[in-house]
N, C-alpha and C. Protein backbone atom coordinates (compact mmCIF):
# COMPACT_ATOMS: atom_id res chain seq x y z
N MET A 1 21.52 -31.44 -32.00
CA MET A 1 20.67 -30.65 -31.70
C MET A 1 20.40 -29.47 -31.88
N ILE A 2 19.53 -29.24 -32.82
CA ILE A 2 19.38 -27.78 -33.77
C ILE A 2 18.68 -26.51 -32.58
N ILE A 3 19.80 -26.12 -31.99
CA ILE A 3 19.30 -24.94 -31.16
C ILE A 3 19.12 -23.64 -31.76
N GLY A 4 17.68 -22.78 -32.03
CA GLY A 4 17.84 -21.39 -32.79
C GLY A 4 17.52 -20.51 -31.82
N VAL A 5 18.06 -19.54 -31.76
CA VAL A 5 18.39 -18.24 -31.36
C VAL A 5 17.89 -17.14 -32.12
N PRO A 6 16.26 -16.50 -31.81
CA PRO A 6 15.56 -15.48 -32.59
C PRO A 6 15.96 -13.76 -32.45
N LYS A 7 16.00 -13.34 -33.16
CA LYS A 7 16.51 -11.88 -32.28
C LYS A 7 14.30 -11.59 -31.71
N GLU A 8 15.13 -10.57 -30.49
CA GLU A 8 13.50 -10.08 -29.57
C GLU A 8 12.76 -9.19 -30.13
N ILE A 9 11.50 -9.66 -29.59
CA ILE A 9 10.66 -8.68 -30.66
C ILE A 9 9.98 -7.29 -29.97
N LYS A 10 10.05 -7.91 -28.60
CA LYS A 10 9.25 -7.00 -27.41
C LYS A 10 9.60 -5.38 -27.59
N ASN A 11 8.93 -4.35 -27.36
CA ASN A 11 9.49 -2.81 -27.08
C ASN A 11 10.72 -3.53 -26.05
N ASN A 12 11.70 -2.74 -26.37
CA ASN A 12 12.86 -2.36 -25.42
C ASN A 12 13.39 -3.26 -24.78
N GLU A 13 13.09 -4.32 -25.34
CA GLU A 13 13.96 -5.69 -24.87
C GLU A 13 15.07 -5.27 -26.20
N PHE A 14 16.28 -5.41 -25.79
CA PHE A 14 17.35 -5.45 -26.25
C PHE A 14 18.74 -6.63 -25.66
N ARG A 15 18.10 -7.39 -24.94
CA ARG A 15 19.24 -8.55 -24.46
C ARG A 15 18.89 -9.50 -25.19
N VAL A 16 19.37 -10.41 -25.40
CA VAL A 16 19.80 -11.68 -26.16
C VAL A 16 19.83 -13.45 -25.66
N SER A 17 19.51 -14.14 -25.97
CA SER A 17 19.62 -15.29 -25.05
C SER A 17 20.53 -16.02 -25.41
N ALA A 18 21.59 -15.66 -26.47
CA ALA A 18 22.89 -16.70 -26.15
C ALA A 18 23.76 -15.75 -26.67
N THR A 19 25.05 -15.81 -25.90
CA THR A 19 25.69 -15.44 -26.40
C THR A 19 27.91 -15.91 -27.40
N PRO A 20 28.06 -15.14 -27.93
CA PRO A 20 29.53 -16.13 -28.56
C PRO A 20 29.95 -17.50 -27.53
N PRO A 21 30.19 -16.53 -26.36
CA PRO A 21 30.88 -17.85 -26.15
C PRO A 21 29.78 -19.44 -25.72
N GLY A 22 28.65 -18.74 -25.32
CA GLY A 22 27.63 -19.46 -24.83
C GLY A 22 27.36 -20.67 -25.61
N VAL A 23 27.14 -19.89 -27.69
CA VAL A 23 27.25 -20.93 -28.59
C VAL A 23 28.58 -21.81 -28.90
N HIS A 24 29.35 -20.66 -28.46
CA HIS A 24 30.49 -21.71 -28.91
C HIS A 24 30.66 -23.40 -28.16
N ALA A 25 30.36 -22.57 -27.08
CA ALA A 25 30.33 -24.13 -25.88
C ALA A 25 29.25 -25.45 -26.58
N LEU A 26 27.96 -24.71 -27.14
CA LEU A 26 27.02 -25.43 -27.76
C LEU A 26 27.71 -26.09 -28.75
N VAL A 27 28.11 -25.54 -29.94
CA VAL A 27 28.32 -26.39 -30.66
C VAL A 27 29.61 -27.74 -30.32
N LYS A 28 30.75 -26.67 -29.59
CA LYS A 28 31.44 -27.91 -29.14
C LYS A 28 31.09 -28.97 -28.88
N ALA A 29 29.70 -28.90 -28.09
CA ALA A 29 29.07 -30.49 -27.33
C ALA A 29 28.85 -30.83 -28.50
N GLY A 30 28.95 -30.52 -29.77
CA GLY A 30 27.99 -30.85 -31.23
C GLY A 30 26.62 -30.66 -31.73
N HIS A 31 26.46 -29.82 -31.31
CA HIS A 31 24.97 -28.87 -31.38
C HIS A 31 25.05 -27.92 -32.67
N THR A 32 24.29 -27.80 -33.17
CA THR A 32 23.95 -26.87 -34.53
C THR A 32 23.27 -25.87 -34.10
N VAL A 33 23.66 -24.64 -33.96
CA VAL A 33 23.24 -23.08 -33.40
C VAL A 33 22.67 -22.36 -34.89
N LEU A 34 21.16 -21.99 -34.80
CA LEU A 34 20.86 -21.06 -35.83
C LEU A 34 20.60 -19.99 -35.50
N VAL A 35 20.95 -18.55 -35.38
CA VAL A 35 21.24 -17.42 -35.24
C VAL A 35 19.69 -16.18 -36.07
N GLU A 36 19.09 -16.00 -35.57
CA GLU A 36 18.23 -14.88 -36.69
C GLU A 36 19.45 -13.26 -36.64
N THR A 37 19.98 -13.17 -38.17
CA THR A 37 19.93 -12.44 -37.88
C THR A 37 20.09 -10.63 -37.50
N SER A 38 20.97 -10.06 -36.90
CA SER A 38 20.62 -9.43 -35.93
C SER A 38 20.64 -9.32 -34.36
N ALA A 39 20.00 -10.67 -33.99
CA ALA A 39 19.69 -10.99 -32.78
C ALA A 39 20.89 -10.62 -32.03
N GLY A 40 22.31 -9.93 -32.18
CA GLY A 40 22.86 -9.57 -30.75
C GLY A 40 22.70 -8.17 -30.47
N VAL A 41 22.40 -7.26 -32.59
CA VAL A 41 22.69 -6.05 -31.91
C VAL A 41 22.25 -5.22 -30.53
N GLY A 42 21.39 -5.50 -30.48
CA GLY A 42 20.85 -4.54 -28.78
C GLY A 42 22.37 -4.82 -28.31
N SER A 43 22.63 -6.44 -27.85
CA SER A 43 23.82 -6.09 -26.97
C SER A 43 24.93 -6.27 -27.84
N SER A 44 25.11 -5.17 -28.75
CA SER A 44 26.37 -5.00 -29.12
C SER A 44 27.40 -6.40 -29.25
N ILE A 45 26.21 -7.01 -30.27
CA ILE A 45 26.94 -8.55 -30.98
C ILE A 45 26.76 -8.56 -31.96
N THR A 46 27.60 -8.91 -33.06
CA THR A 46 27.65 -8.60 -34.78
C THR A 46 27.39 -9.89 -35.43
N ASP A 47 26.91 -10.61 -36.35
CA ASP A 47 26.20 -11.80 -36.94
C ASP A 47 27.67 -12.48 -37.10
N ALA A 48 29.01 -11.27 -37.26
CA ALA A 48 30.39 -12.06 -37.42
C ALA A 48 30.66 -12.53 -36.09
N ASP A 49 30.97 -11.91 -35.11
CA ASP A 49 31.01 -12.80 -33.85
C ASP A 49 30.43 -14.05 -33.83
N TYR A 50 28.41 -13.84 -33.82
CA TYR A 50 28.26 -15.59 -33.82
C TYR A 50 28.91 -16.43 -34.86
N VAL A 51 28.99 -16.00 -35.65
CA VAL A 51 29.92 -17.35 -36.97
C VAL A 51 31.29 -17.44 -36.60
N ALA A 52 31.94 -16.45 -35.75
CA ALA A 52 33.06 -16.79 -35.65
C ALA A 52 33.06 -18.00 -34.58
N ALA A 53 32.15 -18.12 -33.79
CA ALA A 53 31.67 -18.88 -32.39
C ALA A 53 30.95 -20.10 -32.83
N GLY A 54 30.90 -20.12 -34.00
CA GLY A 54 30.72 -21.40 -35.18
C GLY A 54 28.80 -21.68 -35.10
N ALA A 55 28.04 -20.38 -35.28
CA ALA A 55 26.34 -20.45 -35.28
C ALA A 55 26.09 -20.16 -37.23
N THR A 56 25.11 -20.31 -37.52
CA THR A 56 24.94 -20.41 -38.36
C THR A 56 23.90 -18.97 -38.52
N ILE A 57 24.05 -18.17 -39.25
CA ILE A 57 22.71 -17.12 -39.57
C ILE A 57 22.10 -17.60 -39.87
N ILE A 58 20.80 -17.02 -39.59
CA ILE A 58 19.18 -17.59 -40.68
C ILE A 58 18.48 -16.17 -41.11
N SER A 59 18.24 -15.77 -42.11
CA SER A 59 17.53 -13.88 -42.33
C SER A 59 16.36 -14.03 -41.20
N THR A 60 15.59 -15.56 -41.60
CA THR A 60 14.52 -14.23 -40.78
C THR A 60 13.66 -15.69 -39.42
N ALA A 61 13.17 -14.67 -38.71
CA ALA A 61 12.54 -16.03 -37.54
C ALA A 61 11.59 -16.81 -37.64
N ASP A 62 11.09 -17.09 -38.63
CA ASP A 62 10.32 -18.10 -39.54
C ASP A 62 11.15 -18.99 -39.81
N GLU A 63 12.10 -18.93 -39.77
CA GLU A 63 13.14 -19.82 -40.23
C GLU A 63 13.48 -20.28 -39.26
N VAL A 64 14.54 -19.68 -38.70
CA VAL A 64 15.05 -20.33 -37.28
C VAL A 64 14.05 -21.29 -36.13
N TRP A 65 12.70 -20.79 -36.63
CA TRP A 65 11.52 -21.73 -35.59
C TRP A 65 11.03 -21.95 -36.01
N ALA A 66 11.18 -22.91 -37.63
CA ALA A 66 11.22 -23.98 -38.70
C ALA A 66 11.31 -25.30 -38.43
N LYS A 67 13.06 -24.66 -38.18
CA LYS A 67 14.25 -24.98 -38.37
C LYS A 67 14.59 -26.29 -37.14
N ALA A 68 15.01 -25.46 -36.15
CA ALA A 68 15.07 -25.67 -34.49
C ALA A 68 13.95 -26.46 -33.69
N ASP A 69 15.32 -27.25 -32.99
CA ASP A 69 14.21 -28.41 -32.21
C ASP A 69 14.52 -27.65 -30.92
N LEU A 70 14.96 -27.21 -30.49
CA LEU A 70 14.79 -25.67 -29.10
C LEU A 70 15.25 -24.98 -28.86
N ILE A 71 14.05 -24.28 -29.15
CA ILE A 71 14.43 -21.92 -29.03
C ILE A 71 15.04 -22.05 -27.89
N LEU A 72 15.51 -20.78 -28.19
CA LEU A 72 16.08 -20.34 -26.69
C LEU A 72 15.80 -18.50 -26.49
N LYS A 73 15.05 -18.26 -25.63
CA LYS A 73 14.21 -17.13 -25.70
C LYS A 73 14.51 -16.30 -24.29
N VAL A 74 14.39 -14.71 -24.45
CA VAL A 74 14.40 -13.82 -23.07
C VAL A 74 13.24 -13.89 -22.52
N LYS A 75 12.86 -13.56 -23.64
CA LYS A 75 11.29 -13.13 -23.02
C LYS A 75 10.21 -13.99 -24.24
N GLU A 76 8.83 -14.11 -23.46
CA GLU A 76 8.27 -15.31 -23.88
C GLU A 76 7.70 -15.01 -25.43
N PRO A 77 7.46 -15.53 -26.75
CA PRO A 77 6.97 -15.42 -27.92
C PRO A 77 5.66 -14.61 -27.42
N ILE A 78 5.52 -13.77 -28.45
CA ILE A 78 4.51 -12.80 -28.41
C ILE A 78 3.82 -13.24 -29.69
């Protein structure tokens, strides 16, 4: 399954729906994880941290939404 992690866009929302250890577990289970660039910045998680965990960094939210079978979010989409 392709799992997408877009950046949260609501005001004052700095959390991210998946951390690198969670991404690592998903990848280890055979899933592909797509993370929008800078999705973890508000939680002090870099794109390099996600890549090291096995994620692929995607440049836009639209691309994450288009390619993923499942989207992980903290807040509802707007």
